Protein backbone atom coordinates (compact mmCIF):
# COMPACT_ATOMS: atom_id res chain seq x y z
CA MET A 1 0.00 0.00 0.00
CA GLU A 2 1.21 3.47 -0.82
CA LEU A 3 -1.63 6.00 -0.55
CA PHE A 4 -2.99 6.98 2.86
CA LEU A 5 -5.41 9.87 2.42
CA ILE A 6 -7.21 11.93 5.04
CA ASP A 7 -9.42 14.99 4.54
CA ALA A 8 -8.07 18.31 5.81
CA ILE A 9 -11.15 20.55 5.67
CA GLY A 10 -11.59 21.07 9.43
CA PRO A 11 -9.70 24.37 9.70
CA PHE A 12 -12.01 25.97 7.11
CA PHE A 13 -15.02 25.55 9.41
CA ARG A 14 -13.38 27.74 12.02
CA GLY A 15 -15.93 30.30 13.28
CA TYR A 16 -18.71 28.77 11.19
CA ASP A 17 -21.60 29.16 13.59
CA ARG A 18 -24.60 27.93 11.63
CA LYS A 19 -27.09 26.02 13.75
CA ARG A 20 -26.93 22.96 11.51
CA VAL A 21 -23.80 22.46 9.44
CA ASN A 22 -23.39 20.92 6.01
CA TRP A 23 -20.15 18.99 6.49
CA SER A 24 -19.97 17.68 2.93
CA LYS A 25 -17.65 20.41 1.67
CA ILE A 26 -15.73 23.52 2.77
CA PRO A 27 -18.25 26.38 3.34
CA PHE A 28 -16.82 28.70 0.72
CA MET A 29 -19.43 31.43 1.18
CA HIS A 30 -18.37 31.63 4.83
CA LEU A 31 -14.81 32.24 3.65
CA ALA A 32 -15.96 35.10 1.42
CA ASN A 33 -16.00 37.40 4.48
CA ALA A 34 -12.83 36.06 6.09
CA SER A 35 -10.37 38.68 7.33
CA GLU A 36 -6.59 38.40 7.09
CA ASP A 37 -6.60 37.36 10.75
CA ASP A 38 -9.08 34.61 9.90
CA TRP A 39 -6.89 33.33 7.08
CA ALA A 40 -3.86 33.39 9.34
CA ALA A 41 -5.75 31.35 11.94
CA ILE A 42 -6.81 28.83 9.29
CA ASN A 43 -3.18 28.57 8.20
CA GLU A 44 -2.06 27.79 11.75
CA GLU A 45 -4.83 25.23 12.26
CA LEU A 46 -3.91 23.56 8.98
CA ARG A 47 -0.34 23.35 10.22
CA THR A 48 -1.56 21.76 13.47
CA PHE A 49 -3.66 19.29 11.52
CA ALA A 50 -0.82 18.38 9.15
CA ARG A 51 1.61 17.85 12.03
CA ASN A 52 -0.78 15.46 13.74
CA VAL A 53 -1.78 13.38 10.73
CA THR A 54 1.80 12.97 9.53
CA THR A 55 2.73 11.82 13.03
CA GLN A 56 0.06 9.14 12.78
CA GLY A 57 1.40 8.05 9.38
CA TYR A 58 -0.82 9.64 6.72
CA ASN A 59 1.01 10.78 3.58
CA SER A 60 -1.77 12.54 1.63
CA VAL A 61 -4.62 14.95 2.27
CA THR A 62 -7.75 16.03 0.43
CA LEU A 63 -9.09 19.57 0.17
CA ASP A 64 -12.13 21.12 -1.54
CA ASP A 65 -12.55 21.94 -4.41
CA LEU A 66 -11.96 22.50 -8.14
CA ALA A 67 -15.10 24.59 -8.65
CA HIS A 68 -13.84 27.40 -6.39
CA LEU A 69 -10.33 27.50 -7.82
CA ALA A 70 -10.99 27.41 -11.58
CA HIS A 71 -11.69 30.55 -13.61
CA HIS A 72 -14.04 30.70 -16.57
CA PRO A 73 -14.68 33.63 -18.96
CA LEU A 74 -18.44 33.41 -18.34
CA HIS A 75 -18.17 33.68 -14.57
CA GLU A 76 -19.98 36.57 -12.91
CA PRO A 77 -17.57 39.38 -11.87
CA GLU A 78 -18.08 38.74 -8.16
CA VAL A 79 -17.39 35.03 -8.69
CA THR A 80 -14.19 35.83 -10.58
CA ASP A 81 -13.02 38.09 -7.77
CA ARG A 82 -13.75 35.49 -5.13
CA ILE A 83 -12.00 32.73 -7.04
CA SER A 84 -8.92 34.94 -7.46
CA ARG A 85 -8.72 35.47 -3.72
CA LEU A 86 -9.24 31.78 -3.00
CA ARG A 87 -6.56 30.80 -5.49
CA GLU A 88 -4.09 33.05 -3.73
CA LYS A 89 -4.87 31.62 -0.30
CA PHE A 90 -5.02 27.98 -1.40
CA THR A 91 -1.70 28.27 -3.19
CA GLY A 92 -0.20 29.00 0.21
CA PHE A 93 -2.04 26.08 1.79
CA PHE A 94 -0.90 23.68 -0.93
CA ASN A 95 2.70 24.83 -0.48
CA LEU A 96 2.47 24.44 3.29
CA LEU A 97 1.16 20.89 3.07
CA ARG A 98 3.55 19.74 0.35
CA ASP A 99 6.74 21.57 1.26
CA GLU A 100 6.61 21.71 5.06
CA TYR A 101 4.97 18.34 5.75
CA ASN A 102 5.75 16.33 2.61
CA LEU A 103 2.06 15.56 2.10
CA LYS A 104 0.54 14.85 -1.27
CA VAL A 105 -2.46 17.10 -1.91
CA TYR A 106 -5.57 15.94 -3.77
CA LEU A 107 -8.40 18.30 -4.71
CA THR A 108 -12.01 17.15 -4.74
CA THR A 109 -14.40 17.91 -7.57
CA ASP A 110 -18.02 17.19 -8.38
CA VAL A 111 -19.15 16.66 -11.94
CA LEU A 112 -20.44 19.30 -12.79
CA PRO A 113 -19.84 22.79 -11.27
CA MET A 114 -21.84 25.69 -12.72
CA THR A 115 -22.91 29.26 -12.05
CA PRO A 116 -26.07 30.89 -13.44
CA ALA A 117 -24.05 32.85 -16.02
CA VAL A 118 -22.08 29.79 -17.13
CA ALA A 119 -25.24 27.71 -17.40
CA ALA A 120 -26.94 30.38 -19.51
CA GLY A 121 -23.93 30.79 -21.76
CA ILE A 122 -23.08 27.14 -22.34
CA GLY A 123 -26.51 25.53 -22.50
CA ASP A 124 -27.29 21.84 -22.01
CA ASN A 125 -25.41 20.10 -24.81
CA PRO A 126 -23.67 17.15 -23.06
CA LEU A 127 -20.60 17.24 -25.30
CA VAL A 128 -20.14 20.97 -24.77
CA LEU A 129 -20.54 20.52 -21.02
CA SER A 130 -17.97 17.74 -20.97
CA GLN A 131 -15.48 19.90 -22.86
CA TYR A 132 -16.18 22.76 -20.45
CA TYR A 133 -15.42 20.48 -17.52
CA ARG A 134 -12.28 19.10 -19.17
CA ASP A 135 -11.01 22.66 -19.62
CA LEU A 136 -11.55 23.36 -15.92
CA VAL A 137 -9.66 20.22 -14.97
CA CYS A 138 -6.71 21.05 -17.23
CA GLN A 139 -6.60 24.61 -15.93
CA VAL A 140 -6.40 23.52 -12.29
CA LEU A 141 -3.81 20.82 -12.97
CA ASP A 142 -1.64 23.34 -14.84
CA ASP A 143 -2.08 26.24 -12.44
CA PHE A 144 -1.44 24.19 -9.29
CA PRO A 145 1.59 21.95 -9.79
CA GLN A 146 1.50 21.23 -6.05
CA LEU A 147 -1.51 18.94 -6.61
CA SER A 148 -0.94 15.21 -6.93
CA GLY A 149 -4.33 14.78 -8.54
CA LEU A 150 -8.09 15.19 -8.37
CA ILE A 151 -10.84 13.16 -6.68
CA LEU A 152 -13.94 12.93 -8.88
CA ARG A 153 -17.39 12.49 -7.35
CA ILE A 154 -19.94 11.92 -10.10
CA GLY A 155 -22.93 10.59 -8.15
CA GLU A 156 -23.70 13.40 -5.69
CA SER A 157 -23.82 17.17 -5.97
CA ASP A 158 -24.24 20.13 -3.63
CA GLY A 159 -27.03 19.92 -1.08
CA ASN A 160 -30.24 21.92 -1.27
CA ASP A 161 -29.01 24.21 1.51
CA VAL A 162 -25.94 25.45 -0.38
CA ASN A 163 -26.29 29.19 -1.01
CA ASP A 164 -23.45 29.81 -3.43
CA PRO A 165 -23.50 31.08 -7.04
CA ILE A 166 -21.14 28.17 -7.78
CA ARG A 167 -23.22 25.03 -7.46
CA THR A 168 -22.65 21.52 -8.69
CA ARG A 169 -25.24 19.44 -10.46
CA LEU A 170 -25.45 15.85 -11.60
CA HIS A 171 -24.20 15.59 -15.16
CA LEU A 172 -23.54 11.91 -15.90
CA ARG A 173 -26.58 9.68 -16.23
CA ASP A 174 -25.28 6.26 -17.21
CA ALA A 175 -22.20 4.08 -17.44
CA LYS A 176 -21.51 4.95 -21.08
CA GLU A 177 -21.35 8.70 -20.39
CA THR A 178 -19.17 8.14 -17.34
CA ASN A 179 -16.78 5.90 -19.24
CA ARG A 180 -16.52 8.48 -22.02
CA LEU A 181 -15.70 11.27 -19.57
CA LEU A 182 -13.01 9.19 -17.88
CA ARG A 183 -11.51 8.28 -21.28
CA ASP A 184 -11.40 11.98 -22.18
CA LEU A 185 -9.81 13.02 -18.90
CA LEU A 186 -7.25 10.31 -18.27
CA PRO A 187 -4.82 11.36 -21.05
CA GLU A 188 -4.64 14.79 -19.42
CA PHE A 189 -3.68 13.21 -16.11
CA GLU A 190 -1.17 10.89 -17.78
CA LYS A 191 0.42 13.80 -19.62
CA ARG A 192 0.91 15.63 -16.33
CA SER A 193 1.76 12.56 -14.20
CA ARG A 194 -1.19 13.20 -11.86
CA ASP A 195 -3.72 10.80 -10.36
CA LEU A 196 -7.41 10.71 -11.17
CA ILE A 197 -9.18 9.18 -8.17
CA PHE A 198 -12.65 8.11 -9.26
CA ARG A 199 -15.25 7.63 -6.50
CA THR A 200 -18.01 5.07 -7.05
CA TRP A 201 -20.27 6.70 -4.44
CA THR A 202 -23.72 7.70 -5.71
CA VAL A 203 -27.05 8.62 -4.12
CA GLY A 204 -29.13 6.54 -6.53
CA ALA A 205 -29.96 9.12 -9.20
CA HIS A 206 -30.23 8.14 -12.86
CA ARG A 207 -28.96 4.87 -14.34
CA ILE A 208 -25.50 5.47 -12.92
CA GLY A 209 -27.09 5.55 -9.45
CA ASP A 210 -26.35 1.89 -8.71
CA LEU A 211 -22.63 2.22 -9.50
CA ILE A 212 -21.53 1.48 -5.95
CA TRP A 213 -22.99 -2.05 -5.92
CA HIS A 214 -24.18 -3.16 -9.39
CA ARG A 215 -21.47 -5.22 -11.07
CA ASP A 216 -22.66 -4.55 -14.64
CA THR A 217 -22.80 -0.78 -14.15
CA LEU A 218 -19.36 -0.80 -12.59
CA GLN A 219 -17.92 -3.03 -15.31
CA LYS A 220 -19.30 -0.87 -18.12
CA THR A 221 -18.10 2.30 -16.41
CA LEU A 222 -14.52 1.06 -16.08
CA ALA A 223 -14.33 -0.96 -19.30
CA GLY A 224 -11.07 -0.42 -21.14
CA LEU A 225 -9.67 2.02 -18.59
CA ASP A 226 -6.22 0.64 -17.87
CA SER A 227 -4.46 3.93 -17.24
CA PRO A 228 -1.68 3.88 -14.63
CA ARG A 229 -3.02 7.22 -13.36
CA LEU A 230 -6.52 5.90 -12.52
CA ILE A 231 -7.41 4.96 -8.94
CA VAL A 232 -10.89 3.71 -8.04
CA SER A 233 -12.15 4.77 -4.59
CA MET A 234 -14.97 2.78 -2.97
CA LYS A 235 -16.77 2.99 0.34
CA HIS A 236 -16.40 -0.16 2.39
CA GLY A 237 -20.06 -1.16 2.00
CA GLU A 238 -22.83 -0.94 -0.57
CA SER A 239 -24.37 2.07 1.14
CA ASP A 240 -23.05 4.98 3.19
CA PHE A 241 -20.83 4.67 6.27
CA PHE A 242 -23.02 2.37 8.36
CA ARG A 243 -22.38 -0.73 10.42
CA TYR A 244 -23.79 -4.15 9.58
CA LEU A 245 -22.79 -3.84 5.92
CA PRO A 246 -20.49 -6.55 4.57
CA LEU A 247 -17.42 -5.57 2.60
CA ASN A 248 -18.35 -4.44 -0.91
CA ARG A 249 -17.58 -7.34 -3.27
CA ALA A 250 -16.61 -4.85 -5.97
CA PHE A 251 -13.15 -4.76 -4.37
CA PHE A 252 -12.63 -8.25 -5.78
CA ARG A 253 -14.01 -7.48 -9.26
CA VAL A 254 -12.43 -4.16 -10.12
CA GLN A 255 -9.02 -4.77 -11.68
CA GLN A 256 -7.78 -1.18 -11.59
CA ARG A 257 -5.82 0.23 -8.66
CA LYS A 258 -8.20 0.96 -5.82
CA ILE A 259 -8.52 2.34 -2.31
CA ILE A 260 -11.05 1.74 0.46
CA GLU A 261 -12.96 4.65 1.99
CA LEU A 262 -13.46 4.74 5.77
CA GLN A 263 -15.03 7.32 8.08
CA ALA A 264 -13.43 8.29 11.38
CA ARG A 265 -15.94 10.99 12.32
CA ARG A 266 -18.97 8.76 12.09
CA GLU A 267 -21.71 10.98 10.71
CA TYR A 268 -24.52 8.54 11.63
CA GLU A 269 -23.04 7.57 14.99
CA GLY A 270 -22.61 10.82 16.89
CA ALA A 271 -19.91 12.46 14.71
CA GLY A 272 -17.32 12.28 17.47
CA GLU A 273 -19.60 13.26 20.35
CA TYR A 274 -19.20 9.81 21.91
CA PRO A 275 -17.05 6.71 21.26
CA SER A 276 -17.87 4.90 18.02
CA PHE A 277 -14.74 2.88 17.33
CA ILE A 278 -13.99 1.53 13.84
CA GLY A 279 -10.82 -0.38 14.69
CA TRP A 280 -12.27 -3.87 14.68
CA ASP A 281 -14.18 -3.20 11.46
CA CYS A 282 -10.91 -2.01 9.90
CA GLN A 283 -9.24 -5.22 11.01
CA ARG A 284 -11.98 -7.31 9.46
CA PHE A 285 -11.86 -5.35 6.18
CA ALA A 286 -8.08 -5.64 6.00
CA GLU A 287 -8.21 -9.40 6.52
CA GLU A 288 -10.81 -9.82 3.78
CA LEU A 289 -8.99 -7.52 1.38
CA ALA A 290 -5.88 -9.69 1.62
CA GLY A 291 -7.49 -11.71 -1.18
CA ALA A 292 -8.06 -8.69 -3.46
CA GLU A 293 -5.65 -7.39 -6.10
CA ASN A 294 -4.34 -3.86 -6.56
CA ILE A 295 -5.44 -2.42 -3.22
CA ILE A 296 -3.02 0.50 -2.94
CA GLY A 297 -4.30 2.36 0.12
CA MET A 298 -7.20 3.97 1.90
CA SER A 299 -9.04 7.25 2.23
CA VAL A 300 -10.24 8.34 5.68
CA TRP A 301 -12.90 11.02 6.13
CA CYS A 302 -12.20 12.58 9.52
CA GLN A 303 -14.34 15.71 9.08
CA THR A 304 -16.36 15.33 5.90
CA GLY A 305 -19.89 13.99 5.91
CA GLY A 306 -23.39 14.71 7.14
CA TRP A 307 -25.84 17.51 7.87
CA HIS A 308 -25.90 17.94 11.63
CA ARG A 309 -25.17 20.22 14.54
CA PHE A 310 -22.24 18.21 15.94
CA ARG A 311 -19.22 20.48 15.67
CA ARG A 312 -16.07 18.67 16.77
CA ARG A 313 -13.11 19.13 14.45
CA ALA A 314 -10.50 16.42 14.15
CA PHE A 315 -7.09 17.27 15.66
CA LEU A 316 -8.24 20.83 16.44
CA GLU A 317 -10.09 20.48 19.74
CA SER A 318 -8.84 21.33 23.21
CA SER A 319 -9.24 19.15 26.31
CA ASN A 320 -9.26 15.90 24.35
CA ARG A 321 -12.68 16.67 22.82
CA ASP A 322 -11.72 15.01 19.54
CA ILE A 323 -10.37 11.86 21.19
CA TRP A 324 -12.98 9.53 19.68
CA ILE A 325 -12.14 10.74 16.17
CA ARG A 326 -8.40 10.50 16.73
CA LEU A 327 -8.75 6.94 18.00
CA ASN A 328 -10.44 6.07 14.71
CA THR A 329 -7.86 7.76 12.49
CA ALA A 330 -5.15 5.97 14.45
CA ALA A 331 -6.94 2.63 14.12
CA ALA A 332 -7.29 2.95 10.35
CA ILE A 333 -3.64 3.84 9.72
CA THR A 334 -2.37 1.29 12.25
CA VAL A 335 -4.31 -1.58 10.70
CA PHE A 336 -3.87 -0.77 7.00
CA LYS A 337 -0.39 0.74 6.92
CA LYS A 338 1.43 -0.67 9.92
CA HIS A 339 -0.37 -4.05 9.85
CA GLU A 340 -0.84 -3.93 13.60
CA THR A 341 -3.90 -4.44 15.80
CA PRO A 342 -6.60 -1.92 16.76
CA GLU A 343 -5.49 -2.38 20.34
CA LYS A 344 -2.03 -1.16 19.37
CA ALA A 345 -3.64 1.91 17.83
CA VAL A 346 -5.47 2.69 21.06
CA GLU A 347 -2.23 2.38 22.99
CA SER A 348 -0.52 4.82 20.60
CA VAL A 349 -3.14 7.48 21.38
CA VAL A 350 -3.86 7.07 25.11
CA GLY A 351 -0.61 5.48 26.33
CA THR A 352 0.16 2.06 27.73
CA GLU A 353 -1.11 2.89 31.20
CA ASN A 354 -4.62 3.79 30.04
CA ALA A 355 -4.93 1.42 27.09
CA THR A 356 -6.60 -1.47 28.94
CA ALA A 357 -9.38 0.73 30.36
CA VAL A 358 -9.96 2.52 27.04
CA ILE A 359 -10.13 -0.73 25.06
CA GLU A 360 -12.69 -2.06 27.53
CA LEU A 361 -14.69 1.15 27.18
CA LEU A 362 -14.60 0.94 23.37
CA LYS A 363 -15.75 -2.67 23.42
CA ALA A 364 -18.70 -1.68 25.61
CA SER A 365 -19.50 1.17 23.22
CA GLU A 366 -19.33 -1.31 20.33
CA ILE A 367 -22.07 -3.37 22.01
CA LEU A 368 -24.21 -0.31 22.66
CA ILE A 369 -24.01 0.91 19.09
CA ALA A 370 -24.67 -2.52 17.61
CA ASP A 371 -27.50 -3.45 19.98
CA LEU A 372 -29.14 -0.15 20.92
CA LEU A 373 -28.36 2.51 18.29
CA TYR A 374 -29.01 -0.02 15.53
CA ILE A 375 -31.87 -2.50 15.72
CA SER A 376 -29.88 -5.54 14.68
CA ASP A 377 -32.80 -7.55 13.29
CA PHE A 378 -33.55 -4.74 10.85
CA ALA A 379 -29.92 -3.74 10.23
CA ARG A 380 -28.96 -7.24 9.06
CA GLN A 381 -31.58 -7.29 6.31
CA LYS A 382 -30.57 -6.65 2.72
CA LEU A 383 -33.16 -4.29 1.23
CA TYR A 384 -33.05 -2.32 -2.03
CA PHE A 385 -35.32 0.39 -3.39
CA ARG A 386 -34.78 1.44 -7.00
CA ARG A 387 -31.01 1.92 -7.25
CA VAL A 388 -30.07 2.27 -3.57
CA ARG A 389 -29.48 -0.12 -0.75
CA ILE A 390 -31.71 0.86 2.19
CA PRO A 391 -29.57 2.05 5.13
CA PRO A 392 -29.48 -0.31 8.14
CA LEU A 393 -30.28 2.66 10.40
CA LEU A 394 -33.59 4.44 9.73
CA HIS A 395 -34.93 5.79 13.01
CA VAL A 396 -31.76 7.81 13.72
CA TYR A 397 -30.43 9.95 10.89
CA TRP A 398 -27.53 12.32 11.39
CA ASP A 399 -28.59 14.37 14.46
CA SER A 400 -32.26 13.35 14.55
CA LEU A 401 -34.11 10.61 16.40
CA PHE A 402 -37.58 9.86 15.05
CA ILE A 403 -40.11 8.48 17.51
CA ASN A 404 -43.39 8.37 15.62
CA HIS A 405 -46.12 6.01 14.55
CA GLY A 406 -44.79 5.67 11.02
CA VAL A 407 -41.40 4.42 12.21
CA ARG A 408 -43.20 2.16 14.68
CA LYS A 409 -45.15 0.48 11.89
CA VAL A 410 -42.09 0.05 9.70
CA MET A 411 -40.08 -1.52 12.51
CA ARG A 412 -42.91 -3.81 13.60
CA HIS A 413 -43.18 -4.99 9.99
CA PHE A 414 -39.51 -5.75 9.44
CA VAL A 415 -38.38 -6.90 12.89
CA GLY A 416 -39.36 -10.54 13.32
CA ASP A 417 -38.33 -10.94 16.97
CA PRO A 418 -39.34 -7.78 18.86
CA ASP A 419 -38.76 -9.42 22.25
CA LYS A 420 -35.12 -10.02 21.35
CA ALA A 421 -34.78 -6.43 20.12
CA LEU A 422 -36.16 -5.15 23.41
CA GLN A 423 -34.00 -7.43 25.51
CA SER A 424 -30.75 -6.66 23.70
CA GLY A 425 -31.37 -2.94 24.03
CA GLU A 426 -32.18 -3.11 27.72
CA GLN A 427 -29.14 -5.29 28.38
CA ALA A 428 -26.79 -2.97 26.49
CA ALA A 429 -27.98 0.07 28.46
CA LEU A 430 -26.66 -1.52 31.66
CA LEU A 431 -23.09 -0.92 30.48
CA PHE A 432 -23.09 2.83 31.09
CA PRO A 433 -22.08 2.98 34.79
CA HIS A 434 -19.00 0.88 34.09
CA MET A 435 -18.17 2.96 30.99
CA ILE A 436 -18.28 6.17 33.02
CA ALA A 437 -15.95 4.62 35.59
CA LEU A 438 -13.57 3.53 32.83
CA ALA A 439 -13.58 7.03 31.31
CA GLN A 440 -12.75 8.52 34.72
CA GLN A 441 -9.97 5.97 35.20
CA ALA A 442 -8.41 6.85 31.81
CA ALA A 443 -8.91 10.63 32.19
CA LEU A 444 -11.21 10.77 29.14
CA PRO A 445 -14.22 13.14 28.82
CA THR A 446 -16.79 11.55 31.13
CA ASP A 447 -19.48 14.00 30.01
CA ASP A 448 -19.30 12.42 26.54
CA ILE A 449 -20.29 9.10 28.08
CA GLU A 450 -23.00 10.78 30.14
CA HIS A 451 -24.38 12.41 27.00
CA MET A 452 -24.27 9.05 25.23
CA ARG A 453 -26.10 7.49 28.21
CA ASP A 454 -28.87 10.08 28.16
CA PHE A 455 -29.39 9.88 24.41
CA PHE A 456 -29.26 6.10 24.39
CA ASN A 457 -31.88 6.12 27.14
CA LEU A 458 -34.16 7.84 24.61
CA LEU A 459 -33.28 5.10 22.13
CA ARG A 460 -34.21 2.50 24.74
CA LEU A 461 -37.58 4.16 25.37
CA ALA A 462 -38.15 4.55 21.64
CA ARG A 463 -37.63 0.81 21.22
CA ARG A 464 -40.28 0.15 23.87
CA TYR A 465 -42.67 2.37 21.94
CA TYR A 466 -41.84 0.61 18.68
CA PHE A 467 -42.37 -2.93 19.94
CA LEU A 468 -44.63 -2.92 23.01
CA PRO A 469 -48.38 -2.25 22.96
CA PHE A 470 -49.00 1.47 23.01
CA SER A 471 -49.80 3.10 26.35
CA GLU A 472 -50.11 6.65 27.57
CA GLU A 473 -47.50 5.81 30.19
CA ILE A 474 -44.75 5.11 27.67
CA ALA A 475 -45.73 8.23 25.70
CA ALA A 476 -45.45 10.32 28.87
CA GLU A 477 -42.13 8.70 29.79
CA ILE A 478 -40.67 9.47 26.36
CA THR A 479 -41.89 13.08 26.51
CA ALA A 480 -40.40 13.55 29.98
CA ALA A 481 -37.09 11.95 28.93
CA LYS A 482 -36.86 14.30 25.94
CA LYS A 483 -37.43 17.30 28.18
CA ALA A 484 -34.79 16.11 30.65
CA TYR A 485 -32.33 15.49 27.80
CA LYS A 486 -32.83 19.02 26.43
CA GLN A 487 -32.37 20.53 29.88
CA ARG A 488 -29.27 18.48 30.61
CA TRP A 489 -27.71 19.18 27.21
CA PRO A 490 -28.80 22.67 26.07
CA HIS A 491 -27.79 24.01 22.67
CA ASP A 492 -25.67 26.74 24.21
CA GLY A 493 -23.63 24.18 26.11
CA ARG A 494 -22.93 21.60 23.40
CA ALA A 495 -24.38 19.99 20.33
CA ARG A 496 -27.16 17.52 21.00
CA TYR A 497 -29.60 15.39 19.06
CA ARG A 498 -32.97 16.58 17.86
CA VAL A 499 -35.73 14.30 19.09
CA LYS A 500 -38.80 14.31 16.84
CA ILE A 501 -41.82 12.87 18.67
CA SER A 502 -45.34 12.26 17.36
CA PHE A 503 -47.79 9.67 18.57
CA VAL A 504 -50.40 10.59 15.95
CA PRO A 505 -51.55 7.40 14.20
CA PHE A 506 -49.96 6.80 10.82
CA PRO A 507 -52.78 6.59 8.23
CA ILE A 508 -51.45 3.59 6.26
CA LYS A 509 -52.65 0.23 7.54
CA ARG A 510 -50.16 -2.55 8.28
CA ARG A 511 -51.58 -4.69 5.47
CA SER A 512 -51.07 -1.86 2.98
CA LEU A 513 -47.55 -1.28 4.32
CA ALA A 514 -46.73 -4.97 3.90
CA PHE A 515 -48.01 -4.92 0.31
CA ALA A 516 -46.04 -1.77 -0.53
CA ALA A 517 -42.89 -3.31 0.96
CA ARG A 518 -43.27 -6.45 -1.18
CA VAL A 519 -43.80 -4.43 -4.34
CA LEU A 520 -41.33 -1.57 -3.88
CA LEU A 521 -38.49 -3.28 -2.02
CA ARG A 522 -36.40 -6.26 -2.99
CA ARG A 523 -33.97 -8.39 -1.02
CA LYS A 524 -31.52 -9.11 -3.83
CA ARG A 525 -29.24 -6.83 -5.83
CA GLY A 526 -30.65 -7.88 -9.17
CA TYR A 527 -33.66 -6.06 -10.55
CA ARG A 528 -36.97 -7.91 -10.77
CA LEU A 529 -39.32 -7.68 -13.73
CA ILE A 530 -41.51 -5.23 -11.80
CA ASP A 531 -38.45 -3.06 -11.15
CA ARG A 532 -37.58 -2.89 -14.83
CA LEU A 533 -41.17 -2.31 -15.97
CA PHE A 534 -42.36 0.09 -13.30
CA ILE A 535 -40.21 0.98 -10.30
CA LEU A 536 -37.11 2.18 -12.14
CA TYR A 537 -38.84 4.19 -14.83
CA LEU A 538 -42.46 4.90 -13.96
CA SER A 539 -42.19 5.51 -10.22
CA GLY A 540 -40.34 8.77 -10.87
CA PRO A 541 -43.11 10.34 -12.97
CA ALA A 542 -45.68 8.88 -10.56
CA TYR A 543 -43.90 10.46 -7.59
CA ARG A 544 -43.69 13.85 -9.30
CA ALA A 545 -47.36 13.69 -10.29
CA LEU A 546 -48.55 12.75 -6.79
CA ARG A 547 -46.13 14.91 -4.83
CA PRO A 548 -47.97 17.59 -2.82
CA ARG A 549 -47.94 20.99 -4.48
CA ASP A 550 -47.25 22.66 -1.16
CA PRO A 551 -43.57 21.95 -0.35
CA ALA A 552 -44.32 22.30 3.34
CA ALA A 553 -46.38 19.12 3.13
CA ILE A 554 -43.11 17.19 2.80
CA PRO A 555 -41.12 17.21 6.06
CA LYS A 556 -38.26 19.71 6.03
CA PHE A 557 -35.85 16.91 6.86
CA LEU A 558 -36.67 15.26 3.52
CA ARG A 559 -36.70 18.51 1.54
CA LYS A 560 -33.66 20.35 2.85
CA SER A 561 -31.13 17.76 3.97
CA ALA A 562 -28.53 16.77 1.38
CA MET A 563 -30.05 16.69 -2.12
CA GLY A 564 -33.59 16.02 -0.88
CA VAL A 565 -35.84 13.01 -1.32
CA ASP A 566 -36.64 13.96 -4.93
CA ILE A 567 -33.23 12.73 -6.03
CA LEU A 568 -34.24 9.13 -5.34
CA PHE A 569 -36.72 9.33 -8.21
CA LYS A 570 -34.40 10.73 -10.89
């Protein structure tokens, strides 16, 4: 293995005080008002970050993004001015990372970045748009010789909340178009001896939306691409960064050089607010990947990912507040680069004296996350809708816990042994007193474990609501627990979860829900006849025709987070 990437965007969120943060990319509009003092502070934090990650063993970093560093004649004047200023500042950052810390620098890019003026001037001709994008790529590679390459994301674009004249949009719709773009770009990378890292991550839109798991789509996309400058980057599972997902079998089918993507700041598991250790998963992945060819490294996301109010920044927190993230970055590099155990990684972070207590704490946390955050009976099921694999965690999403009748019906339909689900959750919750004692013993933030305890108590009560007969008592207990949680963990003190409660009966009957699940969902990767005839092609128009005209009728969570629910029906 030779490439050990980690994202370096944390310093650019300094002073970014939005209530809920889009962590998918550097907030460039926030930087538009940065003072010279702000830029100097970012520079120092980037130096701190680089010093720490190189100490752990990383040799490459990622930064965002091509769209905000590439000029175009059609850009609006204010966009041109802003890009000029960003180019000046990022030149300094690239030099710092490469020259002072010997780090390779890779720049992310979505396909395709546009502004209103560019869109109006270029139009919608796919070939013209591809040439426009190729020109941007060549410009950035030529203007920034410090870059070792670009990281292309073709299956996701900017979220609905991004308020920036430069916005990305989905451009590639199928494997043929994607293959053509890669064929056009790779000679430019070869000519300049730079890497093109191609991410297979998608959110399910268009025919290319199943790229992350569908072997035919992946094969057609990569057909004939034998360039020595191409690296394929794949998340470890067939969905986002969740537990319970087996290793993506595409690692054993793709012949090109490839890297595995891991997440240290677990966006669906507290984002560093409490321990969510990935070390033993890394060990399992590494053992399985021993049978795969051309694995040349890994990419760790230690800051990137999610829409939530959790604000901890990797390697930049005081008083050990980023300890749970640093343990994960250490585990990944220790397992994949040093070929040592996760336990050795823990020891490297907390010291030999505290390692035993911390390992015991992390093992307890592993049980809590597996048995109480996730509902294992549901999480183990393989379910697909259209071109996406259904996440194994539905009732908790980013910073929101949903306790409502709709979730209750879904869980009661899919979970075959509710008594076991209840028992495993109750049993796991008993671990918290010992975990707090272990945290005290190892001088780790005990309030993180207390916060985890209080939130997981809400999860425990939610599970009772999901699987026991409804009673006013359990509704009152949940309401009181939410109030106590909000009082104990106020917004002005720290980030906390949003708890969305509604006991209003869900209008769809269980029989109708069961029928819809049989028709719309499948348990195998391959598409059924009904998928090819209806679900893939007609459900999109049907959804758009039946969608409420009033946007407020669709919950804000589904409309505003990420690209919105509409993207599933593209």
